[in-house]
Protein backbone atom coordinates (compact mmCIF):
# COMPACT_ATOMS: atom_id res chain seq x y z
CA MET A 1 0.49 9.85 -18.37
CA THR A 2 4.16 10.99 -17.00
CA VAL A 3 2.13 13.76 -14.71
CA ASP A 4 -0.51 11.48 -13.56
CA ARG A 5 2.32 8.87 -12.42
CA HIS A 6 4.23 11.41 -10.49
CA SER A 7 1.31 12.70 -9.10
CA ILE A 8 -0.06 9.22 -7.92
CA LEU A 9 3.49 8.42 -6.55
CA ALA A 10 3.64 11.62 -4.62
CA GLU A 11 0.61 10.77 -3.21
CA LEU A 12 1.68 7.57 -1.95
CA THR A 13 5.30 9.44 -0.84
CA ASN A 14 2.79 11.42 1.44
CA THR A 15 1.08 8.68 2.99
CA LEU A 16 4.35 6.83 3.73
CA GLU A 17 5.87 9.99 4.98
CA ALA A 18 2.94 10.57 7.36
CA SER A 19 2.94 7.07 8.32
CA LYS A 20 6.84 7.25 9.38
CA GLN A 21 6.45 10.24 11.37
CA GLU A 22 3.76 8.67 13.45
CA TRP A 23 5.59 5.52 13.98
CA PHE A 24 8.79 7.64 14.84
CA ALA A 25 7.04 9.31 17.61
CA ASN A 26 5.66 6.39 18.89
CA TRP A 27 8.86 4.50 18.73
CA GLN A 28 10.93 7.52 20.51
CA ALA A 29 8.58 7.70 23.39
CA PHE A 30 8.85 4.06 23.97
CA HIS A 31 12.47 4.57 24.21
CA SER A 32 12.34 7.82 26.45
CA ASP A 33 14.90 7.41 29.21
CA GLY A 34 12.34 8.46 31.86
CA ASP A 35 13.73 8.82 35.41
CA LEU A 36 16.85 6.79 34.45
CA SER A 37 19.54 8.53 36.38
CA ALA A 38 22.91 6.85 34.99
CA ILE A 39 23.72 4.43 32.47
CA TYR A 40 27.03 2.39 32.75
CA HIS A 41 29.44 1.21 29.99
CA TYR A 42 31.60 -1.88 31.00
CA THR A 43 35.11 -1.85 29.65
CA THR A 44 38.83 -2.80 30.44
CA SER A 45 41.34 -0.63 32.02
CA GLN A 46 42.98 0.16 28.53
CA GLY A 47 39.16 1.05 27.43
CA LEU A 48 38.58 3.16 30.50
CA LEU A 49 42.19 5.19 29.96
CA GLY A 50 41.10 5.58 25.93
CA ILE A 51 37.63 7.14 26.99
CA LEU A 52 38.96 9.32 29.55
CA GLY A 53 41.62 10.54 27.22
CA SER A 54 39.52 10.93 23.97
CA GLU A 55 36.01 11.71 25.43
CA CYS A 56 34.85 9.11 22.98
CA PHE A 57 33.33 5.86 23.27
CA TRP A 58 34.04 3.04 20.72
CA GLY A 59 30.98 2.12 18.81
CA THR A 60 31.61 -1.49 17.55
CA ASN A 61 30.21 -2.85 14.20
CA ILE A 62 27.30 -5.02 15.27
CA LEU A 63 28.72 -7.91 13.40
CA TYR A 64 31.83 -8.11 15.74
CA LEU A 65 30.05 -7.68 19.05
CA ASN A 66 30.61 -10.29 21.61
CA ASP A 67 27.21 -12.13 21.18
CA LYS A 68 27.37 -13.01 17.18
CA SER A 69 23.67 -14.19 17.36
CA GLU A 70 22.14 -10.73 17.68
CA LEU A 71 21.51 -10.12 13.86
CA LEU A 72 20.34 -13.72 13.62
CA TYR A 73 18.14 -13.38 16.48
CA ALA A 74 16.23 -10.26 14.76
CA ARG A 75 16.43 -11.62 11.11
CA THR A 76 14.74 -14.95 12.25
CA LEU A 77 12.06 -13.02 14.05
CA ILE A 78 11.27 -10.69 10.90
CA GLU A 79 11.51 -13.59 8.43
CA THR A 80 9.28 -15.70 10.60
CA HIS A 81 6.31 -12.88 10.68
CA ILE A 82 6.92 -12.28 6.66
CA ASP A 83 6.57 -16.02 5.78
CA ARG A 84 3.45 -15.96 8.03
CA GLN A 85 2.01 -13.14 5.96
CA ILE A 86 2.99 -14.74 2.54
CA ARG A 87 0.98 -18.13 3.66
CA ALA A 88 -2.00 -15.94 4.61
CA ALA A 89 -1.98 -14.16 1.62
CA PRO A 90 -1.22 -16.30 -1.65
CA ASN A 91 -1.92 -14.62 -4.68
CA SER A 92 -3.07 -11.71 -3.52
CA ASP A 93 -2.03 -8.10 -5.04
CA VAL A 94 0.40 -7.57 -2.22
CA TYR A 95 2.04 -11.05 -2.43
CA ARG A 96 4.76 -9.82 -4.58
CA PHE A 97 5.56 -7.34 -2.29
CA LEU A 98 5.87 -9.92 0.43
CA SER A 99 7.93 -11.76 -1.63
CA LEU A 100 10.19 -8.88 -2.06
CA LEU A 101 10.64 -8.29 1.62
CA LYS A 102 11.54 -11.85 2.02
CA HIS A 103 14.73 -11.17 0.21
CA ARG A 104 15.14 -7.61 0.72
CA TYR A 105 14.22 -6.99 4.69
CA ASP A 106 17.60 -6.70 5.97
CA PRO A 107 19.27 -3.24 5.60
CA PHE A 108 22.29 -4.59 6.86
CA GLN A 109 22.87 -7.36 4.41
CA ASP A 110 24.45 -5.45 1.87
CA ASN A 111 24.09 -1.37 2.22
CA LEU A 112 24.32 -0.36 5.63
CA ASP A 113 26.75 -0.72 8.74
CA VAL A 114 25.76 0.10 12.46
CA TYR A 115 28.08 0.62 14.99
CA ILE A 116 27.19 0.08 18.70
CA SER A 117 28.10 1.30 22.00
CA CYS A 118 26.42 -0.91 24.87
CA PHE A 119 25.28 0.66 28.69
CA CYS A 120 23.49 -1.05 31.29
CA GLU A 121 21.17 0.47 34.16
CA ASN A 122 23.28 -1.65 36.72
CA GLY A 123 26.62 -0.48 37.28
CA ASP A 124 27.79 -3.52 39.35
CA LEU A 125 26.32 -6.36 37.23
CA LEU A 126 28.28 -10.04 38.09
CA SER A 127 27.83 -11.23 34.29
CA GLN A 128 29.31 -8.02 33.08
CA TRP A 129 32.34 -8.38 35.23
CA ARG A 130 32.69 -11.54 34.10
CA SER A 131 33.09 -10.25 30.18
CA TYR A 132 35.19 -7.35 30.96
CA GLY A 133 36.85 -7.41 34.18
CA SER A 134 39.10 -10.52 33.93
CA ALA A 135 41.76 -10.32 36.21
CA GLY A 136 40.23 -7.52 38.27
CA GLY A 137 40.73 -5.18 35.69
CA GLY A 138 37.07 -4.03 34.70
CA TYR A 139 35.53 -0.82 35.12
CA ALA A 140 31.90 0.58 34.31
CA VAL A 141 31.73 4.26 33.35
CA ALA A 142 28.42 6.06 34.41
CA LEU A 143 26.93 8.72 32.35
CA GLU A 144 23.96 10.78 32.66
CA PRO A 145 21.59 9.47 29.77
CA ARG A 146 21.06 13.03 28.73
CA VAL A 147 20.84 16.30 30.06
CA ARG A 148 17.23 17.50 30.13
CA ASP A 149 15.77 20.79 28.96
CA GLN A 150 18.96 21.39 27.23
CA PRO A 151 18.57 19.57 23.90
CA PRO A 152 21.37 19.45 21.31
CA ALA A 153 21.50 22.14 18.58
CA THR A 154 21.96 20.30 15.86
CA PRO A 155 21.31 16.50 15.01
CA ALA A 156 23.69 14.23 16.41
CA PHE A 157 23.28 11.46 14.01
CA ILE A 158 23.67 9.31 16.94
CA SER A 159 20.63 7.42 18.00
CA PHE A 160 19.94 6.48 21.79
CA ARG A 161 17.60 3.29 22.33
CA ARG A 162 16.45 0.83 25.03
CA VAL A 163 17.08 -3.14 24.11
CA ILE A 164 13.51 -4.92 23.82
CA TYR A 165 13.65 -8.19 25.30
CA ASP A 166 9.87 -9.14 25.71
CA PRO A 167 9.15 -11.44 22.75
CA ASP A 168 5.55 -10.17 22.67
CA VAL A 169 7.00 -6.81 22.61
CA GLN A 170 9.06 -7.47 19.53
CA ARG A 171 6.32 -9.41 17.88
CA ALA A 172 3.93 -6.46 18.15
CA TYR A 173 6.32 -4.02 16.65
CA VAL A 174 7.08 -6.61 13.61
CA GLU A 175 3.80 -7.31 12.82
CA GLY A 176 2.71 -3.69 13.14
CA SER A 177 5.20 -2.66 10.56
CA ILE A 178 4.57 -5.48 8.28
CA ASN A 179 0.76 -5.19 8.48
CA LYS A 180 1.18 -1.50 8.18
CA PHE A 181 3.02 -1.45 4.94
CA VAL A 182 0.88 -4.16 3.34
CA LYS A 183 -2.15 -2.37 4.05
CA ILE A 184 -0.83 0.84 2.32
CA LEU A 185 0.42 -0.78 -0.68
CA ALA A 186 -3.08 -2.83 -0.81
CA GLU A 187 -4.93 0.79 -0.73
CA PHE A 188 -2.58 1.78 -3.51
CA ARG A 189 -3.11 -0.89 -5.74
CA ARG A 190 -6.89 -0.67 -5.64
CA ASN A 191 -6.68 2.92 -6.79
CA SER A 192 -3.56 2.46 -9.47
CA PRO A 193 -3.58 -0.93 -11.02
CA GLY A 194 -0.99 0.05 -13.53
CA ASN A 195 2.01 -2.53 -13.52
CA GLU A 196 4.54 0.38 -14.19
CA ILE A 197 3.36 2.34 -11.32
CA TRP A 198 2.80 -0.78 -9.38
CA GLU A 199 6.66 -1.60 -9.71
CA ALA A 200 7.73 1.81 -8.61
CA ALA A 201 5.23 1.93 -5.64
CA GLU A 202 6.93 -1.38 -4.65
CA LYS A 203 10.47 0.21 -4.32
CA LEU A 204 9.28 3.07 -2.84
CA THR A 205 7.37 1.50 0.10
CA LEU A 206 10.33 -1.15 0.79
CA ARG A 207 12.61 1.83 1.25
CA TYR A 208 10.22 3.15 3.98
CA PHE A 209 9.88 -0.25 5.47
CA LEU A 210 13.55 -0.82 5.68
CA GLN A 211 14.26 2.56 7.52
CA GLU A 212 11.70 1.48 10.12
CA VAL A 213 12.57 -2.13 10.64
CA GLY A 214 16.22 -1.06 10.85
CA ASP A 215 16.08 -0.30 14.39
CA TYR A 216 14.73 -3.52 15.14
CA PHE A 217 17.80 -5.13 14.20
CA TRP A 218 20.17 -3.53 16.84
CA CYS A 219 17.26 -3.15 19.40
CA PHE A 220 15.91 -6.81 19.56
CA LYS A 221 17.80 -9.39 21.74
CA ASP A 222 17.02 -12.62 23.35
CA GLN A 223 14.98 -12.37 26.75
CA ALA A 224 17.92 -14.54 28.09
CA PHE A 225 19.78 -11.40 28.27
CA SER A 226 17.11 -9.40 30.01
CA GLU A 227 19.03 -8.79 33.35
CA GLU A 228 21.43 -6.31 31.57
CA LYS A 229 18.58 -3.69 31.20
CA GLU A 230 20.66 -2.57 28.14
CA TRP A 231 20.55 0.88 26.36
CA ARG A 232 22.52 1.61 23.15
CA PHE A 233 23.80 4.38 21.32
CA ALA A 234 24.07 3.61 17.63
CA TYR A 235 25.41 5.34 14.37
CA VAL A 236 23.61 3.93 11.34
CA THR A 237 25.87 4.76 8.20
CA PRO A 238 25.84 3.54 4.73
CA ARG A 239 28.70 1.05 4.06
CA SER A 240 29.86 2.89 1.08
CA VAL A 241 30.26 6.54 2.81
CA THR A 242 33.56 7.47 4.84
CA GLY A 243 34.85 10.71 6.54
CA LYS A 244 32.36 11.65 8.95
CA ARG A 245 33.51 9.13 11.25
CA PRO A 246 36.02 7.34 9.85
CA VAL A 247 36.21 3.31 10.42
CA ARG A 248 38.73 2.32 12.66
CA PHE A 249 40.29 -1.02 13.53
CA ARG A 250 41.54 -2.58 16.72
CA SER A 251 43.15 -6.37 17.14
CA THR A 252 41.59 -8.93 19.29
CA SER A 253 42.09 -12.33 20.10
CA ASN A 254 39.48 -12.90 18.05
CA GLY A 255 40.84 -10.94 15.09
CA ILE A 256 40.17 -7.72 13.57
CA VAL A 257 37.53 -5.66 14.75
CA PRO A 258 36.25 -2.57 13.11
CA TYR A 259 34.84 0.27 15.32
CA VAL A 260 34.09 4.27 15.01
CA GLU A 261 34.79 6.70 17.69
CA LEU A 262 31.30 8.01 19.11
CA ASP A 263 31.73 11.61 20.44
CA LEU A 264 28.83 11.14 23.10
CA PHE A 265 30.15 14.32 24.86
CA ASN A 266 29.80 16.65 21.86
CA LEU A 267 26.23 16.08 20.67
CA ALA A 268 26.10 19.55 19.97
CA SER A 269 28.24 22.50 20.01
CA GLY A 270 29.16 24.56 22.46
CA GLY A 271 29.11 22.08 25.68
CA ARG A 272 28.86 18.53 26.98
CA TYR A 273 25.56 17.01 26.91
CA LEU A 274 26.52 13.83 28.49
CA GLN A 275 28.59 13.74 31.58
CA ILE A 276 30.80 11.32 33.17
CA THR A 277 29.30 10.98 36.90
CA LYS A 278 31.07 8.01 38.54
CA ILE A 279 33.21 5.14 37.67
CA VAL A 280 33.16 1.48 39.33
CA CYS A 281 36.11 -0.35 39.77
CA GLY A 282 35.21 -4.14 39.28
CA PRO A 283 36.08 -6.79 41.78
CA THR A 284 39.54 -7.05 42.35
CA LEU A 285 42.04 -8.14 45.14
CA HIS A 286 42.88 -4.48 45.91
CA PRO A 287 40.11 -2.44 45.67
CA ASP A 288 41.45 0.63 47.81
CA LEU A 289 44.38 0.65 45.07
CA SER A 290 42.27 0.28 42.17
CA GLU A 291 39.88 2.96 43.37
CA LEU A 292 43.18 5.57 44.07
CA ALA A 293 44.56 4.84 40.67
CA VAL A 294 40.87 5.95 39.34
CA LEU A 295 40.99 9.15 41.31
CA LEU A 296 44.28 10.02 40.26
CA ALA A 297 43.40 9.69 36.58
CA VAL A 298 40.38 11.60 36.37
CA ARG A 299 42.36 14.29 38.15
CA GLU A 300 45.35 14.31 36.07
CA LEU A 301 42.77 14.56 32.80
CA GLY A 302 40.80 17.08 34.28
CA TYR A 303 37.69 15.76 35.02
CA LYS A 304 35.44 17.12 37.89
CA ASP A 305 32.98 15.60 40.09
CA VAL A 306 33.84 12.07 39.25
CA GLN A 307 33.42 9.59 42.00
CA PRO A 308 35.26 6.27 41.64
CA ALA A 309 33.38 3.61 43.42
CA ILE A 310 34.26 -0.31 44.30
CA SER A 311 32.27 -3.12 43.24
CA ALA A 312 30.38 -4.97 45.90
CA VAL A 313 30.69 -8.10 43.84
CA PRO A 314 33.22 -10.71 45.49
CA LEU A 315 36.22 -11.38 42.99
CA ARG A 316 35.03 -15.03 42.73
CA GLY A 317 31.46 -14.42 42.63
């Protein structure tokens, strides 16, 4: 009996693993940067000096980002589609699994944390200057998204994703994931009616489901923010694990904010795979002085071929 049980669950694992690999390949392709030449990280003068000095970007715990509604938006979307499936399948073989998803669909509720560093395709965006450039102190740091034909030699454990604003695309991903796992479990139920095995299969399938939809939580935003054309580097880690990238804390006007340092320049040993190419100085009364200060700073800190630029947005834009 034990051998049969393990064999049956091993077969389910193979099915789930094949599904995961297929989904991940498609998901990665969707987030390909294509012809994207640069992405811009908006920051304050203090933040800019910290980036230049440490060669690290701060990844802020997603719960503490400026937009507090981000996780709520994804949670509402995913829960809505789970509820729709529950109503469509009352008393079915997978109803119990759907009910389990209803209470366990969010991997960041108890077990995981995700730390985010945000970038935009546009390096001179008024809405971003208003958020980060108060009193003319904002900067946009330009990076190459990645160096093509020179992949990292080792996994970076830092994901690079575009933010998805289109509600139809969001719905398609969520519905596709839910429907896929329901179909896999329904097929399993037909071939393995035993309750003991069914409980183990539920837990196993839930784990794969959480791995898949976890990315949706930090890749989905309301379409009202679509002008940002945002990209994100994210570091996902179990809440109980410390050491590789220790959690640090900074003081803000809203209280203490947890963050980690993301070594985006060192995705693999032996060289830089992301490079600062330009620093845009935000709207200010003295743009020439701001540009000169940046030029002096990058030279002093040993950066080469970094071009300062001045925002075209009026200070009172």
